[in-house]
Amino acid sequence: MRWPEAAIDNYAAALDVAHRPDRSRVGVRWRWRIIPRPVLQSTHCLLCELDWPCPAAAWAQWRLSSYARQTLSDAV
């Protein structure tokens, strides 16, 4: 079964909304209680609880990106 392009785009948009990180990737740690220092934090997907970005979110973001749209339109 082949899905119409619009249905695939709608599915990707729904995945992009549903799969979100549990917190911001960038955090702040304080050095000597006066100097802020940015740090990368470990994040997980709220829906599937895999490491962020989860495969579903990565695919949805790729599908919705302008690069993917250009690649797909060139293939047709």
Protein backbone atom coordinates (compact mmCIF):
# COMPACT_ATOMS: atom_id res chain seq x y z
CA MET A 1 0.00 0.00 0.00
CA ARG A 2 1.33 3.44 -0.91
CA TRP A 3 0.39 6.45 1.16
CA PRO A 4 -0.30 9.76 -0.55
CA GLU A 5 2.39 12.39 0.08
CA ALA A 6 -0.07 14.56 2.04
CA ALA A 7 -0.89 11.66 4.39
CA ILE A 8 2.81 11.02 5.04
CA ASP A 9 3.34 14.73 5.75
CA ASN A 10 0.38 14.75 8.16
CA TYR A 11 1.76 11.68 9.93
CA ALA A 12 5.19 13.31 10.22
CA ALA A 13 3.60 16.47 11.64
CA ALA A 14 1.70 14.40 14.23
CA LEU A 15 4.90 12.58 15.25
CA ASP A 16 6.74 15.89 15.51
CA VAL A 17 4.11 17.19 17.93
CA ALA A 18 3.87 13.99 20.01
CA HIS A 19 7.58 13.22 20.40
CA ARG A 20 9.14 16.02 22.50
CA PRO A 21 12.19 16.13 24.77
CA ASP A 22 11.62 15.99 28.52
CA ARG A 23 13.73 19.11 29.19
CA SER A 24 16.02 21.61 27.57
CA ARG A 25 19.23 20.16 26.17
CA VAL A 26 21.30 23.07 27.52
CA GLY A 27 21.55 23.60 31.25
CA VAL A 28 23.56 25.87 33.52
CA ARG A 29 26.01 24.89 36.22
CA TRP A 30 27.50 27.46 38.54
CA ARG A 31 31.21 27.65 39.21
CA TRP A 32 32.16 29.15 42.56
CA ARG A 33 28.48 30.16 42.85
CA ILE A 34 29.02 33.24 40.67
CA ILE A 35 30.08 32.15 37.18
CA PRO A 36 27.42 30.45 35.02
CA ARG A 37 28.69 27.67 32.78
CA PRO A 38 26.53 26.08 30.07
CA VAL A 39 26.43 22.27 30.01
CA LEU A 40 24.71 19.72 27.78
CA GLN A 41 22.19 17.58 29.65
CA SER A 42 20.95 14.12 28.80
CA THR A 43 17.39 14.29 27.49
CA HIS A 44 14.76 11.68 26.67
CA CYS A 45 11.59 11.61 24.60
CA LEU A 46 8.44 12.12 26.68
CA LEU A 47 6.42 9.64 24.61
CA CYS A 48 8.73 6.69 23.93
CA GLU A 49 11.38 7.46 26.61
CA LEU A 50 14.31 6.84 24.27
CA ASP A 51 17.37 9.10 24.13
CA TRP A 52 16.65 12.40 22.40
CA PRO A 53 16.27 12.73 19.49
CA CYS A 54 14.34 9.48 19.25
CA PRO A 55 14.09 7.78 15.84
CA ALA A 56 10.46 8.86 15.31
CA ALA A 57 11.24 12.52 16.01
CA ALA A 58 14.37 12.42 13.86
CA TRP A 59 12.41 10.97 10.93
CA ALA A 60 9.57 13.48 11.36
CA GLN A 61 11.98 16.41 11.47
CA TRP A 62 13.77 15.09 8.38
CA ARG A 63 10.49 14.59 6.54
CA LEU A 64 9.27 18.09 7.38
CA SER A 65 12.59 19.77 6.51
CA SER A 66 12.99 21.70 3.28
CA TYR A 67 15.90 19.43 2.25
CA ALA A 68 13.69 16.34 2.37
CA ARG A 69 10.97 18.08 0.37
CA GLN A 70 13.51 19.08 -2.29
CA THR A 71 14.95 15.56 -2.45
CA LEU A 72 11.50 13.98 -2.71
CA SER A 73 10.31 16.40 -5.39
CA ASP A 74 13.48 15.75 -7.46
CA ALA A 75 12.84 11.98 -7.29
CA VAL A 76 9.37 12.33 -8.83
